[in-house]
PDB file of N, CA and C in Angstrom:
ATOM      1  N   MET A   1      83.560  59.438  70.412  1.00  0.00           N
ATOM      2  CA  MET A   1      82.825  60.674  70.285  1.00  0.00           C
ATOM      3  C   MET A   1      81.570  60.654  71.169  1.00  0.00           C
ATOM      4  N   LEU A   2      80.914  59.517  71.279  1.00  0.00           N
ATOM      5  CA  LEU A   2      79.718  59.428  72.107  1.00  0.00           C
ATOM      6  C   LEU A   2      80.025  59.577  73.586  1.00  0.00           C
ATOM      7  N   THR A   3      81.252  59.227  73.984  1.00  0.00           N
ATOM      8  CA  THR A   3      81.605  59.372  75.394  1.00  0.00           C
ATOM      9  C   THR A   3      81.647  60.835  75.820  1.00  0.00           C
ATOM     10  N   GLU A   4      81.846  61.758  74.877  1.00  0.00           N
ATOM     11  CA  GLU A   4      81.844  63.178  75.205  1.00  0.00           C
ATOM     12  C   GLU A   4      80.448  63.665  75.568  1.00  0.00           C
ATOM     13  N   TYR A   5      79.428  63.016  75.015  1.00  0.00           N
ATOM     14  CA  TYR A   5      78.050  63.419  75.272  1.00  0.00           C
ATOM     15  C   TYR A   5      77.410  62.638  76.422  1.00  0.00           C
ATOM     16  N   LEU A   6      78.125  61.677  76.970  1.00  0.00           N
ATOM     17  CA  LEU A   6      77.570  60.871  78.053  1.00  0.00           C
ATOM     18  C   LEU A   6      77.180  61.707  79.270  1.00  0.00           C
ATOM     19  N   PRO A   7      77.983  62.657  79.745  1.00  0.00           N
ATOM     20  CA  PRO A   7      77.544  63.472  80.893  1.00  0.00           C
ATOM     21  C   PRO A   7      76.266  64.266  80.594  1.00  0.00           C
ATOM     22  N   VAL A   8      76.121  64.750  79.370  1.00  0.00           N
ATOM     23  CA  VAL A   8      74.910  65.486  79.006  1.00  0.00           C
ATOM     24  C   VAL A   8      73.711  64.558  79.020  1.00  0.00           C
ATOM     25  N   LEU A   9      73.862  63.359  78.490  1.00  0.00           N
ATOM     26  CA  LEU A   9      72.778  62.375  78.486  1.00  0.00           C
ATOM     27  C   LEU A   9      72.388  61.983  79.911  1.00  0.00           C
ATOM     28  N   ILE A  10      73.383  61.791  80.774  1.00  0.00           N
ATOM     29  CA  ILE A  10      73.105  61.463  82.180  1.00  0.00           C
ATOM     30  C   ILE A  10      72.363  62.619  82.848  1.00  0.00           C
ATOM     31  N   PHE A  11      72.786  63.832  82.613  1.00  0.00           N
ATOM     32  CA  PHE A  11      72.134  65.007  83.197  1.00  0.00           C
ATOM     33  C   PHE A  11      70.683  65.116  82.736  1.00  0.00           C
ATOM     34  N   ILE A  12      70.436  64.936  81.446  1.00  0.00           N
ATOM     35  CA  ILE A  12      69.068  65.016  80.915  1.00  0.00           C
ATOM     36  C   ILE A  12      68.202  63.910  81.499  1.00  0.00           C
ATOM     37  N   THR A  13      68.749  62.704  81.601  1.00  0.00           N
ATOM     38  CA  THR A  13      67.992  61.577  82.153  1.00  0.00           C
ATOM     39  C   THR A  13      67.642  61.809  83.617  1.00  0.00           C
ATOM     40  N   ILE A  14      68.619  62.202  84.420  1.00  0.00           N
ATOM     41  CA  ILE A  14      68.366  62.431  85.846  1.00  0.00           C
ATOM     42  C   ILE A  14      67.386  63.576  86.046  1.00  0.00           C
ATOM     43  N   SER A  15      67.535  64.662  85.303  1.00  0.00           N
ATOM     44  CA  SER A  15      66.622  65.799  85.482  1.00  0.00           C
ATOM     45  C   SER A  15      65.203  65.446  85.035  1.00  0.00           C
ATOM     46  N   THR A  16      65.057  64.660  83.983  1.00  0.00           N
ATOM     47  CA  THR A  16      63.723  64.237  83.544  1.00  0.00           C
ATOM     48  C   THR A  16      63.084  63.329  84.589  1.00  0.00           C
ATOM     49  N   LEU A  17      63.831  62.355  85.082  1.00  0.00           N
ATOM     50  CA  LEU A  17      63.296  61.459  86.108  1.00  0.00           C
ATOM     51  C   LEU A  17      62.959  62.209  87.393  1.00  0.00           C
ATOM     52  N   LEU A  18      63.796  63.146  87.786  1.00  0.00           N
ATOM     53  CA  LEU A  18      63.527  63.932  88.985  1.00  0.00           C
ATOM     54  C   LEU A  18      62.279  64.784  88.812  1.00  0.00           C
ATOM     55  N   GLY A  19      62.122  65.423  87.664  1.00  0.00           N
ATOM     56  CA  GLY A  19      60.939  66.239  87.411  1.00  0.00           C
ATOM     57  C   GLY A  19      59.663  65.419  87.425  1.00  0.00           C
ATOM     58  N   ILE A  20      59.681  64.275  86.751  1.00  0.00           N
ATOM     59  CA  ILE A  20      58.500  63.411  86.722  1.00  0.00           C
ATOM     60  C   ILE A  20      58.185  62.879  88.121  1.00  0.00           C
ATOM     61  N   SER A  21      59.218  62.450  88.858  1.00  0.00           N
ATOM     62  CA  SER A  21      58.966  61.916  90.200  1.00  0.00           C
ATOM     63  C   SER A  21      58.430  62.991  91.143  1.00  0.00           C
ATOM     64  N   LEU A  22      58.903  64.217  91.057  1.00  0.00           N
ATOM     65  CA  LEU A  22      58.381  65.286  91.910  1.00  0.00           C
ATOM     66  C   LEU A  22      56.930  65.605  91.574  1.00  0.00           C
ATOM     67  N   LEU A  23      56.572  65.582  90.301  1.00  0.00           N
ATOM     68  CA  LEU A  23      55.178  65.801  89.926  1.00  0.00           C
ATOM     69  C   LEU A  23      54.276  64.688  90.439  1.00  0.00           C
ATOM     70  N   VAL A  24      54.726  63.458  90.326  1.00  0.00           N
ATOM     71  CA  VAL A  24      53.918  62.326  90.782  1.00  0.00           C
ATOM     72  C   VAL A  24      53.765  62.361  92.307  1.00  0.00           C
ATOM     73  N   VAL A  25      54.857  62.580  93.030  1.00  0.00           N
ATOM     74  CA  VAL A  25      54.787  62.630  94.493  1.00  0.00           C
ATOM     75  C   VAL A  25      53.913  63.792  94.950  1.00  0.00           C
ATOM     76  N   GLY A  26      54.020  64.928  94.294  1.00  0.00           N
ATOM     77  CA  GLY A  26      53.187  66.076  94.658  1.00  0.00           C
ATOM     78  C   GLY A  26      51.715  65.825  94.414  1.00  0.00           C
ATOM     79  N   SER A  27      51.391  65.156  93.325  1.00  0.00           N
ATOM     80  CA  SER A  27      49.977  64.871  93.052  1.00  0.00           C
ATOM     81  C   SER A  27      49.422  63.804  93.987  1.00  0.00           C
ATOM     82  N   ILE A  28      50.261  62.884  94.452  1.00  0.00           N
ATOM     83  CA  ILE A  28      49.794  61.841  95.367  1.00  0.00           C
ATOM     84  C   ILE A  28      49.663  62.382  96.792  1.00  0.00           C
ATOM     85  N   LEU A  29      50.675  63.096  97.270  1.00  0.00           N
ATOM     86  CA  LEU A  29      50.680  63.562  98.656  1.00  0.00           C
ATOM     87  C   LEU A  29      49.958  64.888  98.861  1.00  0.00           C
ATOM     88  N   GLY A  30      49.794  65.663  97.815  1.00  0.00           N
ATOM     89  CA  GLY A  30      49.164  66.974  97.956  1.00  0.00           C
ATOM     90  C   GLY A  30      47.664  66.871  98.179  1.00  0.00           C
ATOM     91  N   PRO A  31      47.099  67.843  98.902  1.00  0.00           N
ATOM     92  CA  PRO A  31      45.649  67.820  99.117  1.00  0.00           C
ATOM     93  C   PRO A  31      44.904  68.110  97.823  1.00  0.00           C
ATOM     94  N   ASN A  32      43.801  67.402  97.625  1.00  0.00           N
ATOM     95  CA  ASN A  32      42.997  67.588  96.430  1.00  0.00           C
ATOM     96  C   ASN A  32      41.534  67.655  96.858  1.00  0.00           C
ATOM     97  N   ARG A  33      41.088  68.872  97.206  1.00  0.00           N
ATOM     98  CA  ARG A  33      39.713  69.077  97.651  1.00  0.00           C
ATOM     99  C   ARG A  33      39.059  70.147  96.778  1.00  0.00           C
ATOM    100  N   PRO A  34      38.704  69.797  95.542  1.00  0.00           N
ATOM    101  CA  PRO A  34      38.078  70.794  94.671  1.00  0.00           C
ATOM    102  C   PRO A  34      36.662  71.117  95.140  1.00  0.00           C
ATOM    103  N   ASP A  35      36.292  72.375  95.032  1.00  0.00           N
ATOM    104  CA  ASP A  35      34.918  72.784  95.283  1.00  0.00           C
ATOM    105  C   ASP A  35      34.523  73.815  94.229  1.00  0.00           C
ATOM    106  N   SER A  36      33.304  74.265  94.289  1.00  0.00           N
ATOM    107  CA  SER A  36      32.813  75.180  93.242  1.00  0.00           C
ATOM    108  C   SER A  36      33.567  76.500  93.240  1.00  0.00           C
ATOM    109  N   GLU A  37      34.011  76.955  94.389  1.00  0.00           N
ATOM    110  CA  GLU A  37      34.738  78.223  94.466  1.00  0.00           C
ATOM    111  C   GLU A  37      36.122  78.120  93.822  1.00  0.00           C
ATOM    112  N   LYS A  38      36.798  77.006  94.049  1.00  0.00           N
ATOM    113  CA  LYS A  38      38.121  76.812  93.466  1.00  0.00           C
ATOM    114  C   LYS A  38      38.062  76.595  91.963  1.00  0.00           C
ATOM    115  N   LEU A  39      37.003  75.988  91.479  1.00  0.00           N
ATOM    116  CA  LEU A  39      36.882  75.670  90.062  1.00  0.00           C
ATOM    117  C   LEU A  39      36.244  76.789  89.250  1.00  0.00           C
ATOM    118  N   SER A  40      35.819  77.867  89.894  1.00  0.00           N
ATOM    119  CA  SER A  40      35.174  78.966  89.172  1.00  0.00           C
ATOM    120  C   SER A  40      36.222  79.802  88.439  1.00  0.00           C
ATOM    121  N   PRO A  41      35.858  80.409  87.303  1.00  0.00           N
ATOM    122  CA  PRO A  41      36.813  81.262  86.583  1.00  0.00           C
ATOM    123  C   PRO A  41      37.132  82.508  87.394  1.00  0.00           C
ATOM    124  N   TYR A  42      38.381  82.894  87.388  1.00  0.00           N
ATOM    125  CA  TYR A  42      38.852  84.010  88.202  1.00  0.00           C
ATOM    126  C   TYR A  42      39.776  84.876  87.358  1.00  0.00           C
ATOM    127  N   GLU A  43      39.520  86.165  87.359  1.00  0.00           N
ATOM    128  CA  GLU A  43      40.371  87.056  86.582  1.00  0.00           C
ATOM    129  C   GLU A  43      40.381  88.429  87.233  1.00  0.00           C
ATOM    130  N   CYS A  44      41.522  88.899  87.595  1.00  0.00           N
ATOM    131  CA  CYS A  44      41.719  90.261  88.098  1.00  0.00           C
ATOM    132  C   CYS A  44      40.883  90.563  89.349  1.00  0.00           C
ATOM    133  N   GLY A  45      40.609  89.585  90.163  1.00  0.00           N
ATOM    134  CA  GLY A  45      39.931  89.840  91.411  1.00  0.00           C
ATOM    135  C   GLY A  45      38.422  89.838  91.351  1.00  0.00           C
ATOM    136  N   PHE A  46      37.826  89.607  90.199  1.00  0.00           N
ATOM    137  CA  PHE A  46      36.365  89.564  90.119  1.00  0.00           C
ATOM    138  C   PHE A  46      35.931  88.533  89.089  1.00  0.00           C
ATOM    139  N   GLU A  47      34.662  88.226  89.104  1.00  0.00           N
ATOM    140  CA  GLU A  47      34.121  87.219  88.199  1.00  0.00           C
ATOM    141  C   GLU A  47      34.292  87.636  86.738  1.00  0.00           C
ATOM    142  N   ALA A  48      34.478  86.656  85.881  1.00  0.00           N
ATOM    143  CA  ALA A  48      34.567  86.933  84.452  1.00  0.00           C
ATOM    144  C   ALA A  48      33.199  87.421  83.958  1.00  0.00           C
ATOM    145  N   ILE A  49      33.208  88.489  83.171  1.00  0.00           N
ATOM    146  CA  ILE A  49      31.966  89.117  82.744  1.00  0.00           C
ATOM    147  C   ILE A  49      31.454  88.514  81.446  1.00  0.00           C
ATOM    148  N   GLU A  50      32.354  88.319  80.502  1.00  0.00           N
ATOM    149  CA  GLU A  50      31.921  87.877  79.182  1.00  0.00           C
ATOM    150  C   GLU A  50      32.393  86.458  78.902  1.00  0.00           C
ATOM    151  N   ASP A  51      32.046  85.977  77.734  1.00  0.00           N
ATOM    152  CA  ASP A  51      32.418  84.643  77.296  1.00  0.00           C
ATOM    153  C   ASP A  51      33.934  84.567  77.113  1.00  0.00           C
ATOM    154  N   SER A  52      34.492  83.419  77.339  1.00  0.00           N
ATOM    155  CA  SER A  52      35.938  83.254  77.202  1.00  0.00           C
ATOM    156  C   SER A  52      36.389  83.292  75.745  1.00  0.00           C
ATOM    157  N   ARG A  53      35.439  83.204  74.817  1.00  0.00           N
ATOM    158  CA  ARG A  53      35.793  83.222  73.397  1.00  0.00           C
ATOM    159  C   ARG A  53      35.595  84.593  72.769  1.00  0.00           C
ATOM    160  N   MET A  54      35.522  85.631  73.585  1.00  0.00           N
ATOM    161  CA  MET A  54      35.342  86.972  73.036  1.00  0.00           C
ATOM    162  C   MET A  54      36.617  87.417  72.320  1.00  0.00           C
ATOM    163  N   GLN A  55      36.470  88.335  71.405  1.00  0.00           N
ATOM    164  CA  GLN A  55      37.610  88.792  70.619  1.00  0.00           C
ATOM    165  C   GLN A  55      38.380  89.863  71.385  1.00  0.00           C
ATOM    166  N   PHE A  56      39.694  89.770  71.309  1.00  0.00           N
ATOM    167  CA  PHE A  56      40.573  90.767  71.902  1.00  0.00           C
ATOM    168  C   PHE A  56      41.107  91.656  70.801  1.00  0.00           C
ATOM    169  N   ASP A  57      41.422  92.848  71.179  1.00  0.00           N
ATOM    170  CA  ASP A  57      42.022  93.774  70.233  1.00  0.00           C
ATOM    171  C   ASP A  57      43.437  93.303  69.904  1.00  0.00           C
ATOM    172  N   VAL A  58      43.815  93.424  68.674  1.00  0.00           N
ATOM    173  CA  VAL A  58      45.127  92.954  68.225  1.00  0.00           C
ATOM    174  C   VAL A  58      46.247  93.733  68.894  1.00  0.00           C
ATOM    175  N   ARG A  59      45.958  94.939  69.344  1.00  0.00           N
ATOM    176  CA  ARG A  59      47.010  95.749  69.960  1.00  0.00           C
ATOM    177  C   ARG A  59      47.573  95.119  71.226  1.00  0.00           C
ATOM    178  N   PHE A  60      46.785  94.307  71.928  1.00  0.00           N
ATOM    179  CA  PHE A  60      47.311  93.613  73.099  1.00  0.00           C
ATOM    180  C   PHE A  60      48.462  92.698  72.688  1.00  0.00           C
ATOM    181  N   TYR A  61      48.283  91.994  71.602  1.00  0.00           N
ATOM    182  CA  TYR A  61      49.322  91.090  71.122  1.00  0.00           C
ATOM    183  C   TYR A  61      50.523  91.859  70.585  1.00  0.00           C
ATOM    184  N   LEU A  62      50.280  92.974  69.932  1.00  0.00           N
ATOM    185  CA  LEU A  62      51.383  93.777  69.412  1.00  0.00           C
ATOM    186  C   LEU A  62      52.242  94.329  70.542  1.00  0.00           C
ATOM    187  N   VAL A  63      51.602  94.768  71.609  1.00  0.00           N
ATOM    188  CA  VAL A  63      52.369  95.264  72.751  1.00  0.00           C
ATOM    189  C   VAL A  63      53.175  94.139  73.383  1.00  0.00           C
ATOM    190  N   ALA A  64      52.599  92.952  73.472  1.00  0.00           N
ATOM    191  CA  ALA A  64      53.339  91.810  74.016  1.00  0.00           C
ATOM    192  C   ALA A  64      54.532  91.468  73.142  1.00  0.00           C
ATOM    193  N   ILE A  65      54.348  91.494  71.835  1.00  0.00           N
ATOM    194  CA  ILE A  65      55.447  91.198  70.918  1.00  0.00           C
ATOM    195  C   ILE A  65      56.518  92.280  71.019  1.00  0.00           C
ATOM    196  N   LEU A  66      56.106  93.539  71.125  1.00  0.00           N
ATOM    197  CA  LEU A  66      57.080  94.622  71.286  1.00  0.00           C
ATOM    198  C   LEU A  66      57.890  94.445  72.564  1.00  0.00           C
ATOM    199  N   PHE A  67      57.217  94.062  73.647  1.00  0.00           N
ATOM    200  CA  PHE A  67      57.929  93.836  74.899  1.00  0.00           C
ATOM    201  C   PHE A  67      58.970  92.736  74.740  1.00  0.00           C
ATOM    202  N   ILE A  68      58.585  91.650  74.096  1.00  0.00           N
ATOM    203  CA  ILE A  68      59.523  90.545  73.911  1.00  0.00           C
ATOM    204  C   ILE A  68      60.705  90.978  73.050  1.00  0.00           C
ATOM    205  N   ILE A  69      60.427  91.727  71.996  1.00  0.00           N
ATOM    206  CA  ILE A  69      61.505  92.178  71.111  1.00  0.00           C
ATOM    207  C   ILE A  69      62.499  93.051  71.865  1.00  0.00           C
ATOM    208  N   PHE A  70      61.998  94.031  72.620  1.00  0.00           N
ATOM    209  CA  PHE A  70      62.914  94.939  73.303  1.00  0.00           C
ATOM    210  C   PHE A  70      63.569  94.273  74.509  1.00  0.00           C
ATOM    211  N   ASP A  71      62.921  93.287  75.097  1.00  0.00           N
ATOM    212  CA  ASP A  71      63.541  92.529  76.167  1.00  0.00           C
ATOM    213  C   ASP A  71      64.713  91.706  75.613  1.00  0.00           C
ATOM    214  N   LEU A  72      64.500  91.087  74.456  1.00  0.00           N
ATOM    215  CA  LEU A  72      65.587  90.336  73.829  1.00  0.00           C
ATOM    216  C   LEU A  72      66.710  91.251  73.370  1.00  0.00           C
ATOM    217  N   GLU A  73      66.346  92.445  72.966  1.00  0.00           N
ATOM    218  CA  GLU A  73      67.375  93.405  72.554  1.00  0.00           C
ATOM    219  C   GLU A  73      68.321  93.689  73.715  1.00  0.00           C
ATOM    220  N   ILE A  74      67.778  93.916  74.883  1.00  0.00           N
ATOM    221  CA  ILE A  74      68.614  94.166  76.052  1.00  0.00           C
ATOM    222  C   ILE A  74      69.443  92.929  76.389  1.00  0.00           C
ATOM    223  N   ALA A  75      68.855  91.759  76.231  1.00  0.00           N
ATOM    224  CA  ALA A  75      69.590  90.526  76.518  1.00  0.00           C
ATOM    225  C   ALA A  75      70.774  90.343  75.577  1.00  0.00           C
ATOM    226  N   PHE A  76      70.696  90.887  74.369  1.00  0.00           N
ATOM    227  CA  PHE A  76      71.834  90.821  73.450  1.00  0.00           C
ATOM    228  C   PHE A  76      72.839  91.943  73.687  1.00  0.00           C
ATOM    229  N   PHE A  77      72.388  93.080  74.181  1.00  0.00           N
ATOM    230  CA  PHE A  77      73.296  94.202  74.397  1.00  0.00           C
ATOM    231  C   PHE A  77      74.246  93.980  75.564  1.00  0.00           C
ATOM    232  N   ILE A  78      73.796  93.332  76.612  1.00  0.00           N
ATOM    233  CA  ILE A  78      74.629  93.180  77.805  1.00  0.00           C
ATOM    234  C   ILE A  78      75.886  92.344  77.524  1.00  0.00           C
ATOM    235  N   PRO A  79      75.771  91.153  76.924  1.00  0.00           N
ATOM    236  CA  PRO A  79      77.008  90.411  76.633  1.00  0.00           C
ATOM    237  C   PRO A  79      77.896  91.132  75.623  1.00  0.00           C
ATOM    238  N   TRP A  80      77.272  91.805  74.680  1.00  0.00           N
ATOM    239  CA  TRP A  80      78.058  92.548  73.695  1.00  0.00           C
ATOM    240  C   TRP A  80      78.858  93.653  74.377  1.00  0.00           C
ATOM    241  N   ALA A  81      78.231  94.359  75.314  1.00  0.00           N
ATOM    242  CA  ALA A  81      78.922  95.443  75.998  1.00  0.00           C
ATOM    243  C   ALA A  81      80.065  94.926  76.863  1.00  0.00           C
ATOM    244  N   ILE A  82      79.921  93.735  77.396  1.00  0.00           N
ATOM    245  CA  ILE A  82      80.963  93.181  78.264  1.00  0.00           C
ATOM    246  C   ILE A  82      82.212  92.817  77.457  1.00  0.00           C
ATOM    247  N   VAL A  83      82.036  92.281  76.254  1.00  0.00           N
ATOM    248  CA  VAL A  83      83.187  91.823  75.469  1.00  0.00           C
ATOM    249  C   VAL A  83      83.501  92.747  74.290  1.00  0.00           C
ATOM    250  N   MET A  84      83.018  93.972  74.330  1.00  0.00           N
ATOM    251  CA  MET A  84      83.212  94.889  73.197  1.00  0.00           C
ATOM    252  C   MET A  84      84.691  95.124  72.896  1.00  0.00           C
ATOM    253  N   ASP A  85      85.512  95.244  73.920  1.00  0.00           N
ATOM    254  CA  ASP A  85      86.933  95.513  73.665  1.00  0.00           C
ATOM    255  C   ASP A  85      87.627  94.346  72.965  1.00  0.00           C
ATOM    256  N   LYS A  86      87.118  93.121  73.125  1.00  0.00           N
ATOM    257  CA  LYS A  86      87.714  91.958  72.471  1.00  0.00           C
ATOM    258  C   LYS A  86      87.188  91.763  71.055  1.00  0.00           C
ATOM    259  N   LEU A  87      85.984  92.273  70.769  1.00  0.00           N
ATOM    260  CA  LEU A  87      85.386  92.061  69.453  1.00  0.00           C
ATOM    261  C   LEU A  87      85.950  92.997  68.390  1.00  0.00           C
ATOM    262  N   GLY A  88      86.242  94.206  68.780  1.00  0.00           N
ATOM    263  CA  GLY A  88      86.811  95.160  67.846  1.00  0.00           C
ATOM    264  C   GLY A  88      85.813  95.658  66.817  1.00  0.00           C
ATOM    265  N   ALA A  89      86.306  95.924  65.607  1.00  0.00           N
ATOM    266  CA  ALA A  89      85.477  96.511  64.550  1.00  0.00           C
ATOM    267  C   ALA A  89      84.407  95.539  64.054  1.00  0.00           C
ATOM    268  N   VAL A  90      84.711  94.263  64.022  1.00  0.00           N
ATOM    269  CA  VAL A  90      83.722  93.280  63.570  1.00  0.00           C
ATOM    270  C   VAL A  90      82.517  93.270  64.504  1.00  0.00           C
ATOM    271  N   GLY A  91      82.754  93.323  65.802  1.00  0.00           N
ATOM    272  CA  GLY A  91      81.659  93.376  66.771  1.00  0.00           C
ATOM    273  C   GLY A  91      80.855  94.646  66.649  1.00  0.00           C
ATOM    274  N   LEU A  92      81.538  95.765  66.392  1.00  0.00           N
ATOM    275  CA  LEU A  92      80.843  97.045  66.230  1.00  0.00           C
ATOM    276  C   LEU A  92      79.949  97.022  64.988  1.00  0.00           C
ATOM    277  N   ILE A  93      80.438  96.449  63.913  1.00  0.00           N
ATOM    278  CA  ILE A  93      79.636  96.357  62.687  1.00  0.00           C
ATOM    279  C   ILE A  93      78.443  95.432  62.906  1.00  0.00           C
ATOM    280  N   ALA A  94      78.661  94.314  63.565  1.00  0.00           N
ATOM    281  CA  ALA A  94      77.570  93.357  63.812  1.00  0.00           C
ATOM    282  C   ALA A  94      76.477  93.983  64.673  1.00  0.00           C
ATOM    283  N   ILE A  95      76.852  94.683  65.731  1.00  0.00           N
ATOM    284  CA  ILE A  95      75.830  95.281  66.596  1.00  0.00           C
ATOM    285  C   ILE A  95      75.168  96.467  65.914  1.00  0.00           C
ATOM    286  N   THR A  96      75.878  97.149  65.039  1.00  0.00           N
ATOM    287  CA  THR A  96      75.265  98.244  64.290  1.00  0.00           C
ATOM    288  C   THR A  96      74.185  97.714  63.350  1.00  0.00           C
ATOM    289  N   VAL A  97      74.470  96.611  62.678  1.00  0.00           N
ATOM    290  CA  VAL A  97      73.460  95.989  61.814  1.00  0.00           C
ATOM    291  C   VAL A  97      72.270  95.523  62.644  1.00  0.00           C
ATOM    292  N   PHE A  98      72.538  94.942  63.812  1.00  0.00           N
ATOM    293  CA  PHE A  98      71.474  94.477  64.697  1.00  0.00           C
ATOM    294  C   PHE A  98      70.580  95.631  65.156  1.00  0.00           C
ATOM    295  N   VAL A  99      71.184  96.718  65.582  1.00  0.00           N
ATOM    296  CA  VAL A  99      70.411  97.889  66.031  1.00  0.00           C
ATOM    297  C   VAL A  99      69.651  98.498  64.857  1.00  0.00           C
ATOM    298  N   PHE A 100      70.252  98.532  63.691  1.00  0.00           N
ATOM    299  CA  PHE A 100      69.586  99.088  62.511  1.00  0.00           C
ATOM    300  C   PHE A 100      68.331  98.280  62.164  1.00  0.00           C
ATOM    301  N   GLU A 101      68.431  96.952  62.240  1.00  0.00           N
ATOM    302  CA  GLU A 101      67.252  96.117  61.982  1.00  0.00           C
ATOM    303  C   GLU A 101      66.166  96.362  63.012  1.00  0.00           C
ATOM    304  N   LEU A 102      66.530  96.513  64.269  1.00  0.00           N
ATOM    305  CA  LEU A 102      65.540  96.787  65.309  1.00  0.00           C
ATOM    306  C   LEU A 102      64.895  98.151  65.125  1.00  0.00           C
ATOM    307  N   VAL A 103      65.677  99.137  64.732  1.00  0.00           N
ATOM    308  CA  VAL A 103      65.118 100.475  64.509  1.00  0.00           C
ATOM    309  C   VAL A 103      64.152 100.464  63.330  1.00  0.00           C
ATOM    310  N   ILE A 104      64.482  99.727  62.279  1.00  0.00           N
ATOM    311  CA  ILE A 104      63.567  99.624  61.133  1.00  0.00           C
ATOM    312  C   ILE A 104      62.257  98.966  61.570  1.00  0.00           C
ATOM    313  N   GLY A 105      62.342  97.905  62.369  1.00  0.00           N
ATOM    314  CA  GLY A 105      61.135  97.254  62.873  1.00  0.00           C
ATOM    315  C   GLY A 105      60.323  98.172  63.775  1.00  0.00           C
ATOM    316  N   PHE A 106      61.009  98.939  64.616  1.00  0.00           N
ATOM    317  CA  PHE A 106      60.312  99.876  65.498  1.00  0.00           C
ATOM    318  C   PHE A 106      59.609 100.961  64.699  1.00  0.00           C
ATOM    319  N   ILE A 107      60.254 101.505  63.684  1.00  0.00           N
ATOM    320  CA  ILE A 107      59.638 102.543  62.841  1.00  0.00           C
ATOM    321  C   ILE A 107      58.444 101.963  62.085  1.00  0.00           C
ATOM    322  N   TYR A 108      58.568 100.730  61.614  1.00  0.00           N
ATOM    323  CA  TYR A 108      57.456 100.083  60.916  1.00  0.00           C
ATOM    324  C   TYR A 108      56.247  99.944  61.843  1.00  0.00           C
ATOM    325  N   LEU A 109      56.482  99.476  63.061  1.00  0.00           N
ATOM    326  CA  LEU A 109      55.378  99.334  64.010  1.00  0.00           C
ATOM    327  C   LEU A 109      54.792 100.688  64.398  1.00  0.00           C
ATOM    328  N   TRP A 110      55.642 101.692  64.496  1.00  0.00           N
ATOM    329  CA  TRP A 110      55.163 103.029  64.835  1.00  0.00           C
ATOM    330  C   TRP A 110      54.260 103.562  63.721  1.00  0.00           C
ATOM    331  N   LYS A 111      54.688 103.375  62.472  1.00  0.00           N
ATOM    332  CA  LYS A 111      53.888 103.831  61.326  1.00  0.00           C
ATOM    333  C   LYS A 111      52.572 103.057  61.205  1.00  0.00           C
ATOM    334  N   LYS A 112      52.577 101.776  61.592  1.00  0.00           N
ATOM    335  CA  LYS A 112      51.361 100.973  61.540  1.00  0.00           C
ATOM    336  C   LYS A 112      50.391 101.334  62.662  1.00  0.00           C
ATOM    337  N   GLY A 113      50.847 102.095  63.654  1.00  0.00           N
ATOM    338  CA  GLY A 113      49.980 102.511  64.754  1.00  0.00           C
ATOM    339  C   GLY A 113      49.914 101.525  65.885  1.00  0.00           C
ATOM    340  N   ALA A 114      50.901 100.652  65.997  1.00  0.00           N
ATOM    341  CA  ALA A 114      50.884  99.642  67.067  1.00  0.00           C
ATOM    342  C   ALA A 114      51.094 100.256  68.442  1.00  0.00           C
ATOM    343  N   LEU A 115      51.659 101.447  68.507  1.00  0.00           N
ATOM    344  CA  LEU A 115      51.937 102.064  69.797  1.00  0.00           C
ATOM    345  C   LEU A 115      50.881 103.081  70.206  1.00  0.00           C
ATOM    346  N   GLU A 116      49.863 103.259  69.393  1.00  0.00           N
ATOM    347  CA  GLU A 116      48.825 104.251  69.698  1.00  0.00           C
ATOM    348  C   GLU A 116      47.622 103.567  70.303  1.00  0.00           C
ATOM    349  N   TRP A 117      47.151 104.094  71.432  1.00  0.00           N
ATOM    350  CA  TRP A 117      45.964 103.575  72.117  1.00  0.00           C
ATOM    351  C   TRP A 117      44.889 104.641  72.062  1.00  0.00           C
ATOM    352  N   GLU A 118      43.801 104.311  71.445  1.00  0.00           N
ATOM    353  CA  GLU A 118      42.707 105.274  71.336  1.00  0.00           C
ATOM    354  C   GLU A 118      41.459 104.747  71.968  1.00  0.00           C
TER     355      GLU A 118
END
């Protein structure tokens, strides 16, 4: 049984060693000339105005979470649409439940005001 996993173990080992060796070689051979301009905080093309520990509005995080949710939704719809003819009624019921859960979450966020910017 372990022989079936040997190619996976070899792949993980080689990729880990390759990643570590590329990082080490890059840090050794790459130029490292830090100066005050390179080490200064940079955001959106101009100097940072306020402290880095300032509070952000929660709506920024809600919009990011909404983006991730709807991005994942599309990632699930594409494979489902490709094999829909093979899944039949069971696939239709499963995707209907999935869409229903997403719609309930979307309505909840809409009612909470996560999509309103004032």
